Protein backbone atom coordinates (compact mmCIF):
# COMPACT_ATOMS: atom_id res chain seq x y z
CA MET A 1 34.84 16.95 -10.67
CA PRO A 2 34.58 13.31 -11.82
CA ASN A 3 32.28 12.50 -14.70
CA VAL A 4 28.86 11.18 -13.70
CA ARG A 5 28.35 7.72 -15.14
CA THR A 6 25.07 6.86 -16.83
CA HIS A 7 23.31 3.52 -16.46
CA GLY A 8 20.26 1.91 -17.97
CA SER A 9 16.81 2.15 -16.44
CA TYR A 10 13.54 0.72 -17.68
CA ARG A 11 10.92 3.18 -18.89
CA THR A 12 8.38 3.27 -16.08
CA SER A 13 6.66 6.59 -16.77
CA GLY A 14 3.77 4.83 -18.49
CA LEU A 15 3.37 2.44 -15.56
CA TRP A 16 3.35 5.30 -13.06
CA ALA A 17 0.82 7.18 -15.19
CA GLY A 18 -1.37 4.07 -15.34
CA ALA A 19 -1.11 3.68 -11.56
CA GLY A 20 -2.10 7.31 -11.07
CA ILE A 21 -5.08 7.12 -13.43
CA SER A 22 -6.35 3.86 -11.93
CA PHE A 23 -5.92 5.25 -8.41
CA GLY A 24 -7.93 8.32 -9.34
CA ALA A 25 -10.67 6.17 -10.85
CA LEU A 26 -10.63 4.03 -7.70
CA VAL A 27 -11.04 7.03 -5.42
CA VAL A 28 -13.89 8.53 -7.47
CA GLY A 29 -15.63 5.18 -7.84
CA CYS A 30 -15.37 4.42 -4.12
CA ALA A 31 -16.76 7.87 -3.30
CA VAL A 32 -19.79 7.21 -5.52
CA ALA A 33 -20.23 3.75 -3.98
CA LEU A 34 -20.05 5.14 -0.43
CA LEU A 35 -22.67 7.77 -1.27
CA GLY A 36 -24.88 4.99 -2.59
CA MET A 37 -24.60 3.19 0.75
CA LEU A 38 -26.16 6.07 2.69
CA GLU A 39 -29.42 4.91 4.29
CA PHE A 40 -29.55 1.86 2.02
CA ASP A 41 -29.70 -0.43 5.08
CA GLU A 42 -32.56 1.60 6.54
CA ARG A 43 -34.45 1.35 3.28
CA CYS A 44 -33.97 -2.42 3.31
CA ASN A 45 -35.15 -2.76 6.90
CA HIS A 46 -38.24 -0.63 6.24
CA GLY A 47 -39.23 -2.62 3.17
CA LEU A 48 -38.40 0.11 0.65
CA ILE A 49 -35.98 -2.20 -1.16
CA ARG A 50 -37.77 -5.18 -2.66
CA GLY A 51 -36.02 -8.49 -3.08
CA PRO A 52 -36.74 -12.15 -3.80
CA GLY A 53 -38.39 -13.45 -0.68
CA ARG A 54 -38.11 -12.42 2.95
CA LEU A 55 -35.28 -10.17 4.17
CA LEU A 56 -32.77 -12.20 6.19
CA ARG A 57 -30.08 -9.71 7.13
CA VAL A 58 -28.16 -6.62 6.04
CA ARG A 59 -24.37 -6.62 5.80
CA GLU A 60 -21.65 -4.18 4.78
CA GLN A 61 -19.32 -5.23 1.97
CA ALA A 62 -15.73 -3.97 2.24
CA PHE A 63 -14.85 -3.89 -1.46
CA PRO A 64 -16.40 -2.74 -3.63
CA PRO A 65 -18.04 -0.62 -0.90
CA ALA A 66 -21.67 -1.64 -0.77
CA THR A 67 -24.55 -2.45 1.53
CA VAL A 68 -25.95 -5.89 0.74
CA CYS A 69 -29.50 -6.85 1.69
CA GLU A 70 -29.74 -10.64 1.80
CA PHE A 71 -33.14 -12.09 0.91
CA GLU A 72 -34.25 -15.70 0.93
CA ARG A 73 -33.65 -16.26 -2.79
CA GLY A 74 -31.01 -13.67 -3.63
CA ASP A 75 -29.21 -10.47 -2.67
CA VAL A 76 -29.85 -6.83 -3.52
CA SER A 77 -26.92 -4.42 -3.08
CA SER A 78 -26.30 -0.70 -3.38
CA VAL A 79 -24.73 0.83 -6.49
CA GLY A 80 -21.15 -0.31 -5.72
CA GLY A 81 -21.92 -3.98 -5.28
CA THR A 82 -22.96 -4.93 -8.80
CA GLY A 83 -23.19 -3.59 -12.31
CA VAL A 84 -20.92 -1.19 -14.13
CA LEU A 85 -19.52 0.58 -11.04
CA GLY A 86 -18.57 -2.65 -9.31
CA THR A 87 -16.80 -3.89 -12.44
CA LEU A 88 -15.02 -0.53 -12.84
CA LEU A 89 -13.77 -0.66 -9.26
CA TRP A 90 -12.38 -4.18 -9.64
CA LEU A 91 -10.68 -3.29 -12.94
CA SER A 92 -9.21 -0.12 -11.41
CA LEU A 93 -7.88 -2.06 -8.44
CA LEU A 94 -6.34 -4.70 -10.71
CA ALA A 95 -4.73 -2.06 -12.96
CA LEU A 96 -3.38 -0.19 -9.93
CA ALA A 97 -1.86 -3.35 -8.44
CA VAL A 98 -0.27 -4.49 -11.72
CA CYS A 99 1.15 -1.07 -12.69
CA LEU A 100 2.45 -0.37 -9.19
CA VAL A 101 4.10 -3.74 -8.62
CA VAL A 102 5.68 -3.92 -12.10
CA ALA A 103 6.98 -0.33 -11.84
CA LEU A 104 8.50 -0.94 -8.41
CA ILE A 105 10.17 -4.20 -9.46
CA ALA A 106 11.50 -2.53 -12.64
CA GLU A 107 13.35 -0.04 -10.43
CA TRP A 108 15.48 -2.89 -9.05
CA PHE A 109 17.34 -3.49 -12.33
CA GLU A 110 19.99 -1.72 -14.38
CA PRO A 111 19.55 -3.09 -17.92
CA ARG A 112 22.01 -2.39 -20.73
CA LEU A 113 21.42 0.62 -22.91
CA GLY A 114 20.32 0.12 -26.51
CA SER A 115 16.74 -1.05 -26.11
CA ASP A 116 13.64 1.06 -26.69
CA LEU A 117 12.49 0.08 -23.20
CA VAL A 118 15.68 1.40 -21.57
CA VAL A 119 16.65 5.02 -20.97
CA PRO A 120 19.91 6.44 -19.60
CA THR A 121 19.94 7.67 -16.02
CA THR A 122 22.32 8.27 -13.15
CA ARG A 123 22.39 6.39 -9.89
CA GLY A 124 21.76 9.60 -8.00
CA ARG A 125 18.57 10.19 -9.98
CA LYS A 126 17.62 6.56 -9.48
CA LEU A 127 18.01 6.92 -5.72
CA ARG A 128 15.83 10.02 -5.65
CA ARG A 129 13.11 8.29 -7.66
CA THR A 130 13.09 5.12 -5.55
CA ALA A 131 13.27 7.13 -2.32
CA THR A 132 10.19 9.09 -3.40
CA ALA A 133 8.32 5.86 -4.17
CA PHE A 134 9.36 4.42 -0.81
CA PHE A 135 8.23 7.57 1.03
CA VAL A 136 4.80 7.55 -0.64
CA THR A 137 4.08 3.82 -0.28
CA GLY A 138 5.56 3.73 3.22
CA SER A 139 3.41 6.68 4.30
CA VAL A 140 0.27 4.96 3.01
CA PHE A 141 1.17 1.78 4.89
CA LEU A 142 1.89 3.66 8.14
CA MET A 143 -1.40 5.55 7.84
CA PHE A 144 -3.46 2.36 7.49
CA TYR A 145 -1.44 0.58 10.17
CA THR A 146 -1.89 3.44 12.64
CA LEU A 147 -5.63 3.65 12.00
CA ALA A 148 -6.03 -0.11 12.44
CA GLY A 149 -3.64 -0.69 15.34
CA TRP A 150 -3.47 2.48 17.43
CA LYS A 151 -5.03 0.65 20.38
CA LEU A 152 -2.05 -1.72 20.47
CA PHE A 153 0.20 1.24 21.28
CA THR A 154 -1.71 1.89 24.53
CA GLY A 155 -0.70 -1.54 25.84
CA PRO A 156 -1.35 -4.92 24.23
CA ALA A 157 -2.77 -6.44 27.41
CA SER A 158 -5.44 -3.71 27.71
CA VAL A 159 -6.06 -3.16 24.01
CA CYS A 160 -9.73 -4.18 24.21
CA SER A 161 -10.51 -1.60 26.91
CA ALA A 162 -8.62 1.28 25.28
CA GLY A 163 -10.55 4.36 24.24
CA ALA A 164 -13.47 4.04 26.68
CA ASP A 165 -14.20 4.27 30.40
CA TRP A 166 -15.32 0.73 31.14
CA GLY A 167 -14.92 0.77 34.90
CA THR A 168 -15.15 -2.75 36.35
CA ASP A 169 -16.77 -4.18 33.18
CA ALA A 170 -13.79 -3.79 30.87
CA PRO A 171 -13.39 -6.55 28.26
CA ARG A 172 -10.40 -8.88 28.49
CA THR A 173 -7.78 -9.25 25.78
CA LEU A 174 -7.49 -12.95 25.00
CA ALA A 175 -4.92 -12.71 22.18
CA TYR A 176 -3.28 -10.03 20.08
CA SER A 177 -0.84 -9.60 17.19
CA PHE A 178 1.03 -6.59 15.84
CA PHE A 179 1.05 -7.69 12.20
CA PRO A 180 -1.60 -7.61 11.07
CA PRO A 181 -2.87 -5.49 13.98
CA GLN A 182 -5.52 -7.62 15.61
CA ALA A 183 -6.87 -8.60 19.01
CA THR A 184 -9.54 -10.94 20.33
CA CYS A 185 -11.70 -9.35 23.02
CA GLN A 186 -13.98 -11.10 25.51
CA TYR A 187 -16.76 -9.13 27.20
CA THR A 188 -18.32 -9.80 30.58
CA SER A 189 -21.28 -11.47 28.86
CA GLY A 190 -18.92 -14.06 27.41
CA LEU A 191 -19.21 -12.70 23.88
CA THR A 192 -15.93 -12.55 21.93
CA ARG A 193 -15.18 -10.12 19.11
CA ARG A 194 -12.22 -9.11 16.99
CA MET A 195 -10.75 -5.63 17.35
CA ASN A 196 -10.71 -5.21 13.55
CA PRO A 197 -12.70 -6.89 10.77
CA GLU A 198 -10.74 -9.37 8.68
CA TRP A 199 -10.68 -7.06 5.66
CA VAL A 200 -8.88 -4.39 7.69
CA GLY A 201 -6.02 -6.78 8.45
CA SER A 202 -5.89 -7.80 4.80
CA LEU A 203 -5.72 -4.15 3.73
CA VAL A 204 -2.78 -3.51 6.07
CA VAL A 205 -0.89 -6.50 4.64
CA GLU A 206 -1.66 -5.44 1.06
CA THR A 207 -0.36 -1.90 1.62
CA ALA A 208 2.82 -3.35 3.14
CA VAL A 209 3.70 -5.16 -0.12
CA PRO A 210 4.37 -2.07 -2.30
CA ALA A 211 6.19 -0.40 0.61
CA LEU A 212 8.45 -3.45 0.88
CA LEU A 213 9.11 -3.51 -2.89
CA ALA A 214 9.90 0.21 -2.90
CA GLY A 215 12.16 -0.21 0.13
CA ILE A 216 14.17 -2.93 -1.61
CA GLY A 217 14.55 -0.73 -4.69
CA CYS A 218 15.64 2.24 -2.58
CA ALA A 219 18.20 0.13 -0.69
CA LEU A 220 19.64 -1.25 -3.94
CA ALA A 221 19.89 2.24 -5.45
CA TRP A 222 21.67 3.54 -2.35
CA LEU A 223 24.16 0.64 -2.29
CA ARG A 224 24.93 1.08 -6.00
CA LEU A 225 25.41 4.83 -5.64
CA ARG A 226 27.71 4.35 -2.65
CA SER A 227 29.75 1.76 -4.55
CA GLU A 228 30.04 4.09 -7.56
CA ARG A 229 31.20 6.98 -5.39
CA ARG A 230 33.75 4.77 -3.66
CA GLU A 231 35.13 3.64 -7.02
CA ALA A 232 35.29 7.27 -8.17
CA ARG A 233 37.26 8.27 -5.06
CA TYR A 234 39.68 5.39 -5.51
CA GLY A 235 40.11 6.25 -9.19
CA THR A 236 40.80 9.90 -8.38
CA ALA A 237 43.30 8.97 -5.69
CA ALA A 238 45.08 6.56 -8.04
CA ALA A 239 45.23 9.21 -10.79
CA ASP A 240 46.68 11.79 -8.39
CA SER A 241 49.27 9.27 -7.19
CA ALA A 242 50.25 8.44 -10.78
CA LEU A 243 50.65 12.12 -11.62
CA GLY A 244 52.80 12.63 -8.53
CA ASP A 245 55.04 9.69 -9.44
CA ARG A 246 55.39 10.99 -13.00
CA GLY A 247 56.34 14.44 -11.74
CA ARG A 248 59.07 13.06 -9.46
CA SER A 249 60.48 10.91 -12.23
CA VAL A 250 60.72 13.95 -14.56
CA ARG A 251 62.67 15.88 -11.92
């Protein structure tokens, strides 16, 4: 069996740990923020939430998750919109993005051994690690894409009427796109609406970035491992040929 060659790999365990901790904080914080949104709009509309001036409208904020009551001279939001929780959610999202992107890009390289930031590894182990990262990030992207664009799979031309029995009053699809999944629908009243809010399309694009980075790292690891195995086979064949030639010359 040929010897397994070792190569350098950046230490990314701390980055992955940071990504995991920030993701956990993000999930818990979003759960608290979503609980704070319950009935907050009803309380605003019934005058139970006081604000500066007359209430103008109530809107839902995508991130941090919050219900915002807009008054004439200022806004009042639920627990996730302002204060400590809102700051924590933004910091957790920033830490998650930085740790995840840096860790995925670090998997592209094979630095020389000898630095405290570099550890020895094999290309087989590198492929398994990058394939795992690609599977996780790719699964997250596919989940969000499916939730946002499942209507496109029923037929782009009828995307606006999918999922309901409209009869003769079905809305028309004026335009559509697969990435990000979006469609512009026109109803019989003349009103036009988007299939998805803008933040949904942005979320799909944002989840595609780490999946793309992980995919590049996985492809590089696979190509390097295949090249190493090919070189090992050629080296073994050359050694066997040399031994055969030496044996014939001795006879």
